Amino acid sequence: MTLQAQFEQAQADSKNLPERPDNMTLLKIYGLYKQGSSGDATGDRPGMTDFVGRAKWDAWNELKGSTQEAAQQQYIDLIESLKD
């Protein structure tokens, strides 16, 4: 199975986790997904009043410089660890 196929399978698996991850883990999942699918963060950082958007953008931006492949592998590993 290719890395891209594993990444897509992990995306599907993420919707059926046995329990909802905590917010910090959800942000990590989001950041890894965005880095793995889109590369480095783009656009301006959301404003102070957009707490959720700002946290998500920050989680994505923390991975700046990581390759898409590395982010995809980390995403796959994280989702696998949450399935247990």
Protein backbone atom coordinates (compact mmCIF):
# COMPACT_ATOMS: atom_id res chain seq x y z
CA MET A 1 0.00 0.00 0.00
CA THR A 2 1.42 3.40 -0.95
CA LEU A 3 1.92 6.18 1.57
CA GLN A 4 -0.86 8.19 -0.09
CA ALA A 5 -3.25 5.23 0.17
CA GLN A 6 -2.34 4.74 3.84
CA PHE A 7 -2.89 8.47 4.43
CA GLU A 8 -6.33 8.29 2.83
CA GLN A 9 -7.20 5.18 4.88
CA ALA A 10 -6.09 6.99 8.07
CA GLN A 11 -8.40 9.89 7.14
CA ALA A 12 -11.32 7.46 6.91
CA ASP A 13 -10.27 5.76 10.15
CA SER A 14 -10.08 9.11 11.96
CA LYS A 15 -13.86 9.48 11.60
CA ASN A 16 -14.47 6.18 13.44
CA LEU A 17 -12.19 6.40 16.46
CA PRO A 18 -13.45 4.62 19.59
CA GLU A 19 -13.47 7.88 21.55
CA ARG A 20 -13.07 11.58 20.77
CA PRO A 21 -9.47 12.76 21.26
CA ASP A 22 -8.73 15.73 23.53
CA ASN A 23 -8.44 19.18 21.95
CA MET A 24 -4.63 19.19 21.83
CA THR A 25 -4.64 15.86 19.99
CA LEU A 26 -7.33 17.13 17.62
CA LEU A 27 -5.15 20.15 16.82
CA LYS A 28 -2.18 17.86 16.16
CA ILE A 29 -4.34 15.70 13.87
CA TYR A 30 -5.50 18.81 12.02
CA GLY A 31 -1.98 20.22 11.64
CA LEU A 32 -0.56 16.93 10.37
CA TYR A 33 -3.47 16.50 7.96
CA LYS A 34 -3.07 19.99 6.51
CA GLN A 35 0.73 19.67 6.24
CA GLY A 36 0.38 16.22 4.67
CA SER A 37 -2.24 17.30 2.16
CA SER A 38 -1.34 20.95 1.41
CA GLY A 39 2.24 21.57 2.56
CA ASP A 40 3.30 24.63 4.56
CA ALA A 41 0.67 26.93 6.06
CA THR A 42 -0.53 29.67 3.74
CA GLY A 43 -2.50 32.84 4.21
CA ASP A 44 -2.62 35.20 7.15
CA ARG A 45 -2.99 34.06 10.73
CA PRO A 46 -6.64 34.47 11.81
CA GLY A 47 -7.43 37.39 14.11
CA MET A 48 -7.67 37.39 17.90
CA THR A 49 -11.44 36.88 17.89
CA ASP A 50 -11.25 33.67 15.82
CA PHE A 51 -9.94 31.42 18.59
CA VAL A 52 -10.57 28.12 16.82
CA GLY A 53 -9.24 29.26 13.44
CA ARG A 54 -6.17 30.74 15.10
CA ALA A 55 -5.43 27.55 17.07
CA LYS A 56 -5.84 25.42 13.94
CA TRP A 57 -3.61 27.71 11.87
CA ASP A 58 -0.96 27.72 14.62
CA ALA A 59 -1.03 23.89 14.80
CA TRP A 60 -0.50 23.74 11.04
CA ASN A 61 2.16 26.46 11.02
CA GLU A 62 4.21 24.64 13.70
CA LEU A 63 4.92 21.97 11.09
CA LYS A 64 6.35 24.45 8.59
CA GLY A 65 9.31 22.96 6.77
CA SER A 66 8.21 19.34 7.28
CA THR A 67 7.81 17.37 4.09
CA GLN A 68 4.33 16.28 3.12
CA GLU A 69 5.49 12.66 3.26
CA ALA A 70 6.82 13.02 6.83
CA ALA A 71 3.58 14.68 7.94
CA GLN A 72 1.52 11.96 6.26
CA GLN A 73 3.49 9.24 8.07
CA GLN A 74 3.10 11.02 11.43
CA TYR A 75 -0.63 11.40 10.76
CA ILE A 76 -0.96 7.69 9.96
CA ASP A 77 0.99 6.73 13.10
CA LEU A 78 -1.09 9.05 15.31
CA ILE A 79 -4.43 7.75 14.00
CA GLU A 80 -3.21 4.15 14.42
CA SER A 81 -2.26 4.86 18.04
CA LEU A 82 -5.74 6.31 18.70
CA LYS A 83 -7.54 3.28 17.27
CA ASP A 84 -6.42 0.98 20.11
